[in-house]
Every structure is written in structure tokens, then in C-alpha cells.
């Protein structure tokens, strides 16, 4: 008997991390560090790609991949394109929420000093 393991979400999360690393820390990485926005980005991408499953044969302990007909490079480029689109779309939709959340974050160097009384 074979067991199906869903690989898509793991792949997407890893690729989102890689793509976000190419964006400036502020505001993009900060915005998508917010758990709800990160999950929304994951959902955005997952809803636009087919699921990839691997079959694991327990008696043989081997992994059999069921892949999309695209080449691995085409798959990665397509996934990256969807992530960039998702970042742009979510950032536009949630810009007010993002700016409010990021403004609430206190930056010690930006706050006036109370030391002098």
C-alpha cells in the first residue's frame, strides 16, 4: 500500500521565503511577517497551482514523484511569478492595514527620548 504525501504547500512556503528575501525588508518582508498576510499569500499561490503528490511505498521506503508536465525550471519560474503577483495583489488590497500595522511597531531609534526629562 502506498501513502500520499502533499508536497505542494512545503514547496510553496520554501519558494515564498526565497522570493521574499529578494524584496526590501521594509515594507515587504515586514508586512509578510504578519501571520495573516503570510497565510493569505500562501493561499493565493496554492489556489493557483495544481497539487503535487508523492507516493511513498512503505515496504520499499522509496519516493515516487508525480510531477507536472512542465520542466522543473518552468515550474519554478511559474511559481515565482505567482508569488510576485500575490505579493503585489495582497500589498495593494491590504495597503491600509499594512501601513497601520507597521506604524504601530515601535522603533527605539525613532521614538523621542524621555531620558532628559
PDB file of N, CA and C in Angstrom:
ATOM      1  N   UNK A   1       0.839  -1.180   0.000  1.00  0.00           N
ATOM      2  CA  UNK A   1       0.000   0.000   0.000  1.00  0.00           C
ATOM      3  C   UNK A   1       0.886   1.245   0.000  1.00  0.00           C
ATOM      4  N   UNK A   2       0.466   2.257  -0.728  1.00  0.00           N
ATOM      5  CA  UNK A   2       1.223   3.497  -0.817  1.00  0.00           C
ATOM      6  C   UNK A   2       0.506   4.587  -0.040  1.00  0.00           C
ATOM      7  N   UNK A   3       1.291   5.538   0.496  1.00  0.00           N
ATOM      8  CA  UNK A   3       0.762   6.669   1.242  1.00  0.00           C
ATOM      9  C   UNK A   3       1.035   7.926   0.438  1.00  0.00           C
ATOM     10  N   UNK A   4       0.023   8.764   0.264  1.00  0.00           N
ATOM     11  CA  UNK A   4       0.203  10.014  -0.472  1.00  0.00           C
ATOM     12  C   UNK A   4       0.623  11.116   0.489  1.00  0.00           C
ATOM     13  N   UNK A   5       1.622  11.869   0.101  1.00  0.00           N
ATOM     14  CA  UNK A   5       2.126  12.974   0.911  1.00  0.00           C
ATOM     15  C   UNK A   5       2.007  14.245   0.083  1.00  0.00           C
ATOM     16  N   UNK A   6       1.330  15.246   0.607  1.00  0.00           N
ATOM     17  CA  UNK A   6       1.146  16.501  -0.122  1.00  0.00           C
ATOM     18  C   UNK A   6       2.414  17.336  -0.012  1.00  0.00           C
ATOM     19  N   UNK A   7       3.031  17.596  -1.155  1.00  0.00           N
ATOM     20  CA  UNK A   7       4.288  18.337  -1.169  1.00  0.00           C
ATOM     21  C   UNK A   7       4.121  19.798  -1.570  1.00  0.00           C
ATOM     22  N   UNK A   8       3.000  20.134  -2.154  1.00  0.00           N
ATOM     23  CA  UNK A   8       2.818  21.465  -2.709  1.00  0.00           C
ATOM     24  C   UNK A   8       3.028  22.563  -1.676  1.00  0.00           C
ATOM     25  N   UNK A   9       2.387  22.454  -0.522  1.00  0.00           N
ATOM     26  CA  UNK A   9       2.460  23.516   0.471  1.00  0.00           C
ATOM     27  C   UNK A   9       3.898  23.718   0.951  1.00  0.00           C
ATOM     28  N   UNK A  10       4.627  22.643   1.177  1.00  0.00           N
ATOM     29  CA  UNK A  10       6.022  22.754   1.610  1.00  0.00           C
ATOM     30  C   UNK A  10       6.850  23.467   0.541  1.00  0.00           C
ATOM     31  N   UNK A  11       6.625  23.122  -0.722  1.00  0.00           N
ATOM     32  CA  UNK A  11       7.357  23.734  -1.826  1.00  0.00           C
ATOM     33  C   UNK A  11       7.042  25.222  -1.925  1.00  0.00           C
ATOM     34  N   UNK A  12       5.768  25.549  -1.807  1.00  0.00           N
ATOM     35  CA  UNK A  12       5.331  26.945  -1.922  1.00  0.00           C
ATOM     36  C   UNK A  12       5.910  27.787  -0.796  1.00  0.00           C
ATOM     37  N   UNK A  13       5.851  27.290   0.426  1.00  0.00           N
ATOM     38  CA  UNK A  13       6.383  28.046   1.568  1.00  0.00           C
ATOM     39  C   UNK A  13       7.872  28.296   1.400  1.00  0.00           C
ATOM     40  N   UNK A  14       8.607  27.292   0.974  1.00  0.00           N
ATOM     41  CA  UNK A  14      10.041  27.457   0.745  1.00  0.00           C
ATOM     42  C   UNK A  14      10.332  28.470  -0.342  1.00  0.00           C
ATOM     43  N   UNK A  15       9.549  28.420  -1.411  1.00  0.00           N
ATOM     44  CA  UNK A  15       9.772  29.358  -2.519  1.00  0.00           C
ATOM     45  C   UNK A  15       9.354  30.771  -2.124  1.00  0.00           C
ATOM     46  N   UNK A  16       8.304  30.909  -1.315  1.00  0.00           N
ATOM     47  CA  UNK A  16       7.889  32.236  -0.833  1.00  0.00           C
ATOM     48  C   UNK A  16       9.018  32.856  -0.015  1.00  0.00           C
ATOM     49  N   UNK A  17       9.634  32.059   0.847  1.00  0.00           N
ATOM     50  CA  UNK A  17      10.769  32.552   1.637  1.00  0.00           C
ATOM     51  C   UNK A  17      11.875  33.078   0.726  1.00  0.00           C
ATOM     52  N   UNK A  18      12.198  32.310  -0.300  1.00  0.00           N
ATOM     53  CA  UNK A  18      13.265  32.698  -1.230  1.00  0.00           C
ATOM     54  C   UNK A  18      12.917  33.977  -1.975  1.00  0.00           C
ATOM     55  N   UNK A  19      11.681  34.067  -2.447  1.00  0.00           N
ATOM     56  CA  UNK A  19      11.268  35.247  -3.203  1.00  0.00           C
ATOM     57  C   UNK A  19      11.225  36.471  -2.292  1.00  0.00           C
ATOM     58  N   UNK A  20      10.667  36.328  -1.092  1.00  0.00           N
ATOM     59  CA  UNK A  20      10.598  37.471  -0.173  1.00  0.00           C
ATOM     60  C   UNK A  20      11.984  37.979   0.210  1.00  0.00           C
ATOM     61  N   UNK A  21      12.970  37.089   0.230  1.00  0.00           N
ATOM     62  CA  UNK A  21      14.343  37.515   0.528  1.00  0.00           C
ATOM     63  C   UNK A  21      14.890  38.479  -0.518  1.00  0.00           C
ATOM     64  N   UNK A  22      14.294  38.511  -1.700  1.00  0.00           N
ATOM     65  CA  UNK A  22      14.750  39.427  -2.751  1.00  0.00           C
ATOM     66  C   UNK A  22      14.086  40.794  -2.637  1.00  0.00           C
ATOM     67  N   UNK A  23      13.090  40.915  -1.768  1.00  0.00           N
ATOM     68  CA  UNK A  23      12.375  42.181  -1.567  1.00  0.00           C
ATOM     69  C   UNK A  23      13.009  42.951  -0.413  1.00  0.00           C
ATOM     70  N   UNK A  24      12.833  44.272  -0.421  1.00  0.00           N
ATOM     71  CA  UNK A  24      13.346  45.066   0.706  1.00  0.00           C
ATOM     72  C   UNK A  24      12.678  44.655   2.018  1.00  0.00           C
ATOM     73  N   UNK A  25      13.458  44.747   3.105  1.00  0.00           N
ATOM     74  CA  UNK A  25      12.931  44.382   4.419  1.00  0.00           C
ATOM     75  C   UNK A  25      11.694  45.197   4.747  1.00  0.00           C
ATOM     76  N   UNK A  26      11.831  46.519   4.563  1.00  0.00           N
ATOM     77  CA  UNK A  26      10.693  47.387   4.836  1.00  0.00           C
ATOM     78  C   UNK A  26      10.170  47.897   3.517  1.00  0.00           C
ATOM     79  N   UNK A  27       8.959  47.740   3.178  1.00  0.00           N
ATOM     80  CA  UNK A  27       7.847  47.241   3.972  1.00  0.00           C
ATOM     81  C   UNK A  27       7.491  45.777   3.683  1.00  0.00           C
ATOM     82  N   UNK A  28       8.046  45.196   2.605  1.00  0.00           N
ATOM     83  CA  UNK A  28       7.574  43.892   2.140  1.00  0.00           C
ATOM     84  C   UNK A  28       7.821  42.749   3.122  1.00  0.00           C
ATOM     85  N   UNK A  29       9.067  42.561   3.532  1.00  0.00           N
ATOM     86  CA  UNK A  29       9.350  41.449   4.440  1.00  0.00           C
ATOM     87  C   UNK A  29       8.645  41.649   5.774  1.00  0.00           C
ATOM     88  N   UNK A  30       8.588  42.900   6.230  1.00  0.00           N
ATOM     89  CA  UNK A  30       7.877  43.178   7.481  1.00  0.00           C
ATOM     90  C   UNK A  30       6.396  42.860   7.336  1.00  0.00           C
ATOM     91  N   UNK A  31       5.806  43.261   6.223  1.00  0.00           N
ATOM     92  CA  UNK A  31       4.372  43.041   6.020  1.00  0.00           C
ATOM     93  C   UNK A  31       4.050  41.554   5.977  1.00  0.00           C
ATOM     94  N   UNK A  32       4.851  40.787   5.249  1.00  0.00           N
ATOM     95  CA  UNK A  32       4.554  39.370   5.117  1.00  0.00           C
ATOM     96  C   UNK A  32       5.106  38.533   6.266  1.00  0.00           C
ATOM     97  N   UNK A  33       5.658  39.212   7.270  1.00  0.00           N
ATOM     98  CA  UNK A  33       5.981  38.547   8.534  1.00  0.00           C
ATOM     99  C   UNK A  33       4.728  38.488   9.410  1.00  0.00           C
ATOM    100  N   UNK A  34       3.715  39.282   9.067  1.00  0.00           N
ATOM    101  CA  UNK A  34       2.428  39.237   9.764  1.00  0.00           C
ATOM    102  C   UNK A  34       1.769  37.908   9.393  1.00  0.00           C
ATOM    103  N   UNK A  35       1.481  37.059  10.378  1.00  0.00           N
ATOM    104  CA  UNK A  35       0.977  35.705  10.089  1.00  0.00           C
ATOM    105  C   UNK A  35      -0.237  35.652   9.150  1.00  0.00           C
ATOM    106  N   UNK A  36      -1.194  36.557   9.331  1.00  0.00           N
ATOM    107  CA  UNK A  36      -2.393  36.538   8.481  1.00  0.00           C
ATOM    108  C   UNK A  36      -2.048  36.849   7.029  1.00  0.00           C
ATOM    109  N   UNK A  37      -1.160  37.810   6.819  1.00  0.00           N
ATOM    110  CA  UNK A  37      -0.773  38.158   5.453  1.00  0.00           C
ATOM    111  C   UNK A  37       0.075  37.060   4.823  1.00  0.00           C
ATOM    112  N   UNK A  38       0.948  36.443   5.615  1.00  0.00           N
ATOM    113  CA  UNK A  38       1.754  35.330   5.110  1.00  0.00           C
ATOM    114  C   UNK A  38       0.840  34.192   4.663  1.00  0.00           C
ATOM    115  N   UNK A  39      -0.159  33.873   5.492  1.00  0.00           N
ATOM    116  CA  UNK A  39      -1.087  32.801   5.144  1.00  0.00           C
ATOM    117  C   UNK A  39      -1.899  33.160   3.909  1.00  0.00           C
ATOM    118  N   UNK A  40      -2.272  34.419   3.789  1.00  0.00           N
ATOM    119  CA  UNK A  40      -3.025  34.862   2.615  1.00  0.00           C
ATOM    120  C   UNK A  40      -2.192  34.700   1.337  1.00  0.00           C
ATOM    121  N   UNK A  41      -0.894  34.988   1.440  1.00  0.00           N
ATOM    122  CA  UNK A  41      -0.005  34.805   0.293  1.00  0.00           C
ATOM    123  C   UNK A  41       0.126  33.319  -0.050  1.00  0.00           C
ATOM    124  N   UNK A  42       0.282  32.482   0.952  1.00  0.00           N
ATOM    125  CA  UNK A  42       0.366  31.037   0.728  1.00  0.00           C
ATOM    126  C   UNK A  42      -0.910  30.545   0.042  1.00  0.00           C
ATOM    127  N   UNK A  43      -2.059  30.971   0.551  1.00  0.00           N
ATOM    128  CA  UNK A  43      -3.339  30.569  -0.032  1.00  0.00           C
ATOM    129  C   UNK A  43      -3.487  31.074  -1.464  1.00  0.00           C
ATOM    130  N   UNK A  44      -3.058  32.315  -1.701  1.00  0.00           N
ATOM    131  CA  UNK A  44      -3.121  32.909  -3.044  1.00  0.00           C
ATOM    132  C   UNK A  44      -2.394  32.010  -4.043  1.00  0.00           C
ATOM    133  N   UNK A  45      -1.194  31.608  -3.691  1.00  0.00           N
ATOM    134  CA  UNK A  45      -0.386  30.794  -4.602  1.00  0.00           C
ATOM    135  C   UNK A  45      -0.962  29.381  -4.721  1.00  0.00           C
ATOM    136  N   UNK A  46      -1.293  28.769  -3.594  1.00  0.00           N
ATOM    137  CA  UNK A  46      -1.809  27.393  -3.618  1.00  0.00           C
ATOM    138  C   UNK A  46      -3.089  27.264  -4.425  1.00  0.00           C
ATOM    139  N   UNK A  47      -3.920  28.298  -4.411  1.00  0.00           N
ATOM    140  CA  UNK A  47      -5.179  28.256  -5.155  1.00  0.00           C
ATOM    141  C   UNK A  47      -4.979  28.383  -6.654  1.00  0.00           C
ATOM    142  N   UNK A  48      -3.764  28.698  -7.078  1.00  0.00           N
ATOM    143  CA  UNK A  48      -3.492  28.906  -8.497  1.00  0.00           C
ATOM    144  C   UNK A  48      -2.571  27.856  -9.116  1.00  0.00           C
ATOM    145  N   UNK A  49      -2.214  26.859  -8.332  1.00  0.00           N
ATOM    146  CA  UNK A  49      -1.379  25.780  -8.870  1.00  0.00           C
ATOM    147  C   UNK A  49      -2.002  24.432  -8.531  1.00  0.00           C
ATOM    148  N   UNK A  50      -1.753  23.433  -9.363  1.00  0.00           N
ATOM    149  CA  UNK A  50      -2.254  22.094  -9.025  1.00  0.00           C
ATOM    150  C   UNK A  50      -1.419  21.495  -7.900  1.00  0.00           C
ATOM    151  N   UNK A  51      -2.020  20.620  -7.136  1.00  0.00           N
ATOM    152  CA  UNK A  51      -1.299  19.967  -6.040  1.00  0.00           C
ATOM    153  C   UNK A  51      -0.328  18.931  -6.589  1.00  0.00           C
ATOM    154  N   UNK A  52       0.809  18.825  -5.939  1.00  0.00           N
ATOM    155  CA  UNK A  52       1.787  17.796  -6.273  1.00  0.00           C
ATOM    156  C   UNK A  52       1.745  16.753  -5.177  1.00  0.00           C
ATOM    157  N   UNK A  53       1.645  15.525  -5.548  1.00  0.00           N
ATOM    158  CA  UNK A  53       1.641  14.449  -4.572  1.00  0.00           C
ATOM    159  C   UNK A  53       2.798  13.512  -4.848  1.00  0.00           C
ATOM    160  N   UNK A  54       3.314  12.910  -3.815  1.00  0.00           N
ATOM    161  CA  UNK A  54       4.312  11.855  -3.956  1.00  0.00           C
ATOM    162  C   UNK A  54       3.748  10.619  -3.288  1.00  0.00           C
ATOM    163  N   UNK A  55       4.020   9.512  -3.883  1.00  0.00           N
ATOM    164  CA  UNK A  55       3.572   8.253  -3.293  1.00  0.00           C
ATOM    165  C   UNK A  55       4.753   7.609  -2.602  1.00  0.00           C
ATOM    166  N   UNK A  56       4.556   7.204  -1.373  1.00  0.00           N
ATOM    167  CA  UNK A  56       5.609   6.538  -0.604  1.00  0.00           C
ATOM    168  C   UNK A  56       5.182   5.090  -0.415  1.00  0.00           C
ATOM    169  N   UNK A  57       6.000   4.199  -0.890  1.00  0.00           N
ATOM    170  CA  UNK A  57       5.729   2.779  -0.705  1.00  0.00           C
ATOM    171  C   UNK A  57       6.408   2.356   0.591  1.00  0.00           C
ATOM    172  N   UNK A  58       5.638   2.115   1.673  1.00  0.00           N
ATOM    173  CA  UNK A  58       6.237   1.825   2.986  1.00  0.00           C
ATOM    174  C   UNK A  58       7.145   0.589   2.977  1.00  0.00           C
ATOM    175  N   UNK A  59       6.764  -0.427   2.213  1.00  0.00           N
ATOM    176  CA  UNK A  59       7.579  -1.638   2.222  1.00  0.00           C
ATOM    177  C   UNK A  59       8.935  -1.424   1.551  1.00  0.00           C
ATOM    178  N   UNK A  60       9.016  -0.462   0.643  1.00  0.00           N
ATOM    179  CA  UNK A  60      10.277  -0.206  -0.058  1.00  0.00           C
ATOM    180  C   UNK A  60      10.960   1.061   0.446  1.00  0.00           C
ATOM    181  N   UNK A  61      10.209   1.876   1.201  1.00  0.00           N
ATOM    182  CA  UNK A  61      10.734   3.141   1.722  1.00  0.00           C
ATOM    183  C   UNK A  61      11.262   4.026   0.598  1.00  0.00           C
ATOM    184  N   UNK A  62      10.573   4.021  -0.520  1.00  0.00           N
ATOM    185  CA  UNK A  62      11.026   4.848  -1.639  1.00  0.00           C
ATOM    186  C   UNK A  62       9.966   5.896  -1.960  1.00  0.00           C
ATOM    187  N   UNK A  63      10.371   6.883  -2.703  1.00  0.00           N
ATOM    188  CA  UNK A  63       9.516   8.016  -3.029  1.00  0.00           C
ATOM    189  C   UNK A  63       9.295   8.033  -4.536  1.00  0.00           C
ATOM    190  N   UNK A  64       8.041   8.055  -4.957  1.00  0.00           N
ATOM    191  CA  UNK A  64       7.703   8.114  -6.370  1.00  0.00           C
ATOM    192  C   UNK A  64       7.022   9.454  -6.603  1.00  0.00           C
ATOM    193  N   UNK A  65       7.592  10.292  -7.453  1.00  0.00           N
ATOM    194  CA  UNK A  65       7.040  11.623  -7.699  1.00  0.00           C
ATOM    195  C   UNK A  65       6.051  11.612  -8.856  1.00  0.00           C
ATOM    196  N   UNK A  66       4.966  12.332  -8.675  1.00  0.00           N
ATOM    197  CA  UNK A  66       4.035  12.615  -9.755  1.00  0.00           C
ATOM    198  C   UNK A  66       4.201  14.105 -10.042  1.00  0.00           C
ATOM    199  N   UNK A  67       4.775  14.425 -11.195  1.00  0.00           N
ATOM    200  CA  UNK A  67       5.120  15.819 -11.490  1.00  0.00           C
ATOM    201  C   UNK A  67       4.205  16.393 -12.556  1.00  0.00           C
ATOM    202  N   UNK A  68       4.202  17.707 -12.627  1.00  0.00           N
ATOM    203  CA  UNK A  68       3.503  18.396 -13.691  1.00  0.00           C
ATOM    204  C   UNK A  68       4.260  18.167 -14.996  1.00  0.00           C
ATOM    205  N   UNK A  69       3.604  18.339 -16.138  1.00  0.00           N
ATOM    206  CA  UNK A  69       4.285  18.107 -17.400  1.00  0.00           C
ATOM    207  C   UNK A  69       5.388  19.125 -17.699  1.00  0.00           C
ATOM    208  N   UNK A  70       5.454  20.200 -16.980  1.00  0.00           N
ATOM    209  CA  UNK A  70       6.483  21.212 -17.201  1.00  0.00           C
ATOM    210  C   UNK A  70       7.836  20.729 -16.698  1.00  0.00           C
ATOM    211  N   UNK A  71       8.868  21.371 -17.224  1.00  0.00           N
ATOM    212  CA  UNK A  71      10.206  21.070 -16.714  1.00  0.00           C
ATOM    213  C   UNK A  71      10.340  21.696 -15.332  1.00  0.00           C
ATOM    214  N   UNK A  72      11.261  21.220 -14.501  1.00  0.00           N
ATOM    215  CA  UNK A  72      11.441  21.794 -13.160  1.00  0.00           C
ATOM    216  C   UNK A  72      11.711  23.303 -13.193  1.00  0.00           C
ATOM    217  N   UNK A  73      12.483  23.768 -14.168  1.00  0.00           N
ATOM    218  CA  UNK A  73      12.769  25.205 -14.261  1.00  0.00           C
ATOM    219  C   UNK A  73      11.509  25.990 -14.584  1.00  0.00           C
ATOM    220  N   UNK A  74      10.692  25.467 -15.508  1.00  0.00           N
ATOM    221  CA  UNK A  74       9.438  26.137 -15.845  1.00  0.00           C
ATOM    222  C   UNK A  74       8.499  26.168 -14.644  1.00  0.00           C
ATOM    223  N   UNK A  75       8.466  25.079 -13.888  1.00  0.00           N
ATOM    224  CA  UNK A  75       7.627  25.032 -12.693  1.00  0.00           C
ATOM    225  C   UNK A  75       8.068  26.093 -11.687  1.00  0.00           C
ATOM    226  N   UNK A  76       9.384  26.194 -11.472  1.00  0.00           N
ATOM    227  CA  UNK A  76       9.905  27.155 -10.503  1.00  0.00           C
ATOM    228  C   UNK A  76       9.623  28.583 -10.956  1.00  0.00           C
ATOM    229  N   UNK A  77       9.828  28.871 -12.238  1.00  0.00           N
ATOM    230  CA  UNK A  77       9.566  30.215 -12.754  1.00  0.00           C
ATOM    231  C   UNK A  77       8.086  30.561 -12.663  1.00  0.00           C
ATOM    232  N   UNK A  78       7.230  29.601 -12.953  1.00  0.00           N
ATOM    233  CA  UNK A  78       5.788  29.822 -12.836  1.00  0.00           C
ATOM    234  C   UNK A  78       5.408  30.101 -11.382  1.00  0.00           C
ATOM    235  N   UNK A  79       5.964  29.325 -10.468  1.00  0.00           N
ATOM    236  CA  UNK A  79       5.694  29.514  -9.041  1.00  0.00           C
ATOM    237  C   UNK A  79       6.180  30.882  -8.575  1.00  0.00           C
ATOM    238  N   UNK A  80       7.376  31.281  -8.987  1.00  0.00           N
ATOM    239  CA  UNK A  80       7.912  32.593  -8.609  1.00  0.00           C
ATOM    240  C   UNK A  80       7.044  33.715  -9.158  1.00  0.00           C
ATOM    241  N   UNK A  81       6.568  33.557 -10.392  1.00  0.00           N
ATOM    242  CA  UNK A  81       5.694  34.571 -10.994  1.00  0.00           C
ATOM    243  C   UNK A  81       4.408  34.710 -10.178  1.00  0.00           C
ATOM    244  N   UNK A  82       3.819  33.579  -9.779  1.00  0.00           N
ATOM    245  CA  UNK A  82       2.608  33.624  -8.955  1.00  0.00           C
ATOM    246  C   UNK A  82       2.870  34.290  -7.609  1.00  0.00           C
ATOM    247  N   UNK A  83       4.021  34.037  -7.031  1.00  0.00           N
ATOM    248  CA  UNK A  83       4.363  34.646  -5.736  1.00  0.00           C
ATOM    249  C   UNK A  83       4.500  36.156  -5.889  1.00  0.00           C
ATOM    250  N   UNK A  84       5.182  36.604  -6.940  1.00  0.00           N
ATOM    251  CA  UNK A  84       5.318  38.049  -7.180  1.00  0.00           C
ATOM    252  C   UNK A  84       3.943  38.690  -7.391  1.00  0.00           C
ATOM    253  N   UNK A  85       3.081  38.019  -8.161  1.00  0.00           N
ATOM    254  CA  UNK A  85       1.729  38.529  -8.379  1.00  0.00           C
ATOM    255  C   UNK A  85       0.958  38.598  -7.058  1.00  0.00           C
ATOM    256  N   UNK A  86       1.099  37.562  -6.245  1.00  0.00           N
ATOM    257  CA  UNK A  86       0.416  37.526  -4.956  1.00  0.00           C
ATOM    258  C   UNK A  86       0.890  38.640  -4.033  1.00  0.00           C
ATOM    259  N   UNK A  87       2.188  38.860  -3.990  1.00  0.00           N
ATOM    260  CA  UNK A  87       2.748  39.930  -3.154  1.00  0.00           C
ATOM    261  C   UNK A  87       2.168  41.266  -3.588  1.00  0.00           C
ATOM    262  N   UNK A  88       2.183  41.512  -4.888  1.00  0.00           N
ATOM    263  CA  UNK A  88       1.669  42.776  -5.419  1.00  0.00           C
ATOM    264  C   UNK A  88       0.182  42.938  -5.130  1.00  0.00           C
ATOM    265  N   UNK A  89      -0.588  41.903  -5.400  1.00  0.00           N
ATOM    266  CA  UNK A  89      -2.033  41.961  -5.213  1.00  0.00           C
ATOM    267  C   UNK A  89      -2.409  42.184  -3.748  1.00  0.00           C
ATOM    268  N   UNK A  90      -1.834  41.389  -2.865  1.00  0.00           N
ATOM    269  CA  UNK A  90      -2.144  41.495  -1.435  1.00  0.00           C
ATOM    270  C   UNK A  90      -1.671  42.838  -0.892  1.00  0.00           C
ATOM    271  N   UNK A  91      -0.504  43.273  -1.332  1.00  0.00           N
ATOM    272  CA  UNK A  91       0.020  44.550  -0.856  1.00  0.00           C
ATOM    273  C   UNK A  91      -0.910  45.696  -1.245  1.00  0.00           C
ATOM    274  N   UNK A  92      -1.452  45.642  -2.468  1.00  0.00           N
ATOM    275  CA  UNK A  92      -2.382  46.684  -2.905  1.00  0.00           C
ATOM    276  C   UNK A  92      -3.699  46.612  -2.139  1.00  0.00           C
ATOM    277  N   UNK A  93      -4.235  45.390  -1.998  1.00  0.00           N
ATOM    278  CA  UNK A  93      -5.513  45.215  -1.306  1.00  0.00           C
ATOM    279  C   UNK A  93      -5.439  45.612   0.165  1.00  0.00           C
ATOM    280  N   UNK A  94      -4.334  45.293   0.808  1.00  0.00           N
ATOM    281  CA  UNK A  94      -4.214  45.468   2.255  1.00  0.00           C
ATOM    282  C   UNK A  94      -3.298  46.624   2.638  1.00  0.00           C
ATOM    283  N   UNK A  95      -3.054  47.544   1.721  1.00  0.00           N
ATOM    284  CA  UNK A  95      -2.079  48.609   1.987  1.00  0.00           C
ATOM    285  C   UNK A  95      -2.420  49.418   3.238  1.00  0.00           C
ATOM    286  N   UNK A  96      -3.685  49.704   3.442  1.00  0.00           N
ATOM    287  CA  UNK A  96      -4.081  50.479   4.621  1.00  0.00           C
ATOM    288  C   UNK A  96      -3.812  49.692   5.905  1.00  0.00           C
ATOM    289  N   UNK A  97      -4.185  48.437   5.894  1.00  0.00           N
ATOM    290  CA  UNK A  97      -3.955  47.559   7.054  1.00  0.00           C
ATOM    291  C   UNK A  97      -2.461  47.407   7.327  1.00  0.00           C
ATOM    292  N   UNK A  98      -1.682  47.245   6.261  1.00  0.00           N
ATOM    293  CA  UNK A  98      -0.236  47.075   6.398  1.00  0.00           C
ATOM    294  C   UNK A  98       0.396  48.326   6.983  1.00  0.00           C
ATOM    295  N   UNK A  99       0.033  49.487   6.454  1.00  0.00           N
ATOM    296  CA  UNK A  99       0.641  50.715   6.963  1.00  0.00           C
ATOM    297  C   UNK A  99       0.255  50.966   8.412  1.00  0.00           C
ATOM    298  N   UNK A 100      -0.982  50.641   8.779  1.00  0.00           N
ATOM    299  CA  UNK A 100      -1.412  50.785  10.169  1.00  0.00           C
ATOM    300  C   UNK A 100      -0.604  49.861  11.070  1.00  0.00           C
ATOM    301  N   UNK A 101      -0.454  48.617  10.648  1.00  0.00           N
ATOM    302  CA  UNK A 101       0.271  47.635  11.462  1.00  0.00           C
ATOM    303  C   UNK A 101       1.747  48.011  11.583  1.00  0.00           C
ATOM    304  N   UNK A 102       2.346  48.443  10.489  1.00  0.00           N
ATOM    305  CA  UNK A 102       3.770  48.788  10.525  1.00  0.00           C
ATOM    306  C   UNK A 102       4.024  50.078  11.300  1.00  0.00           C
ATOM    307  N   UNK A 103       3.056  50.988  11.311  1.00  0.00           N
ATOM    308  CA  UNK A 103       3.216  52.226  12.085  1.00  0.00           C
ATOM    309  C   UNK A 103       3.076  51.963  13.576  1.00  0.00           C
ATOM    310  N   UNK A 104       2.362  50.899  13.940  1.00  0.00           N
ATOM    311  CA  UNK A 104       2.208  50.558  15.352  1.00  0.00           C
ATOM    312  C   UNK A 104       3.476  49.970  15.931  1.00  0.00           C
ATOM    313  N   UNK A 105       4.335  49.462  15.058  1.00  0.00           N
ATOM    314  CA  UNK A 105       5.593  48.876  15.515  1.00  0.00           C
ATOM    315  C   UNK A 105       6.499  49.999  15.994  1.00  0.00           C
ATOM    316  N   UNK A 106       6.949  49.903  17.212  1.00  0.00           N
ATOM    317  CA  UNK A 106       7.798  50.947  17.783  1.00  0.00           C
ATOM    318  C   UNK A 106       9.248  50.675  17.418  1.00  0.00           C
ATOM    319  N   UNK A 107       9.885  51.680  16.873  1.00  0.00           N
ATOM    320  CA  UNK A 107      11.302  51.595  16.545  1.00  0.00           C
ATOM    321  C   UNK A 107      12.056  52.422  17.582  1.00  0.00           C
ATOM    322  N   UNK A 108      12.890  51.806  18.409  1.00  0.00           N
ATOM    323  CA  UNK A 108      13.546  52.509  19.509  1.00  0.00           C
ATOM    324  C   UNK A 108      14.324  53.746  19.049  1.00  0.00           C
ATOM    325  N   UNK A 109      14.922  53.721  17.895  1.00  0.00           N
ATOM    326  CA  UNK A 109      15.697  54.867  17.441  1.00  0.00           C
ATOM    327  C   UNK A 109      14.847  56.014  16.948  1.00  0.00           C
ATOM    328  N   UNK A 110      13.567  55.752  16.693  1.00  0.00           N
ATOM    329  CA  UNK A 110      12.683  56.772  16.139  1.00  0.00           C
ATOM    330  C   UNK A 110      11.823  57.446  17.202  1.00  0.00           C
ATOM    331  N   UNK A 111      11.801  56.902  18.382  1.00  0.00           N
ATOM    332  CA  UNK A 111      10.970  57.450  19.443  1.00  0.00           C
ATOM    333  C   UNK A 111      11.758  58.513  20.205  1.00  0.00           C
ATOM    334  N   UNK A 112      11.137  59.639  20.564  1.00  0.00           N
ATOM    335  CA  UNK A 112      11.843  60.668  21.312  1.00  0.00           C
ATOM    336  C   UNK A 112      12.314  60.137  22.681  1.00  0.00           C
ATOM    337  N   UNK A 113      13.424  60.606  23.087  1.00  0.00           N
ATOM    338  CA  UNK A 113      13.986  60.146  24.346  1.00  0.00           C
ATOM    339  C   UNK A 113      13.293  60.818  25.531  1.00  0.00           C
ATOM    340  N   UNK A 114      13.017  60.034  26.555  1.00  0.00           N
ATOM    341  CA  UNK A 114      12.411  60.552  27.781  1.00  0.00           C
ATOM    342  C   UNK A 114      13.485  60.689  28.865  1.00  0.00           C
ATOM    343  N   UNK A 115      14.701  60.388  28.493  1.00  0.00           N
ATOM    344  CA  UNK A 115      15.799  60.383  29.443  1.00  0.00           C
ATOM    345  C   UNK A 115      16.084  61.771  30.003  1.00  0.00           C
ATOM    346  N   UNK A 116      15.926  62.800  29.160  1.00  0.00           N
ATOM    347  CA  UNK A 116      16.261  64.165  29.590  1.00  0.00           C
ATOM    348  C   UNK A 116      15.130  64.801  30.409  1.00  0.00           C
ATOM    349  N   UNK A 117      14.044  64.114  30.572  1.00  0.00           N
ATOM    350  CA  UNK A 117      13.013  64.608  31.458  1.00  0.00           C
ATOM    351  C   UNK A 117      11.943  65.296  30.782  1.00  0.00           C
TER     352      UNK A 117
END
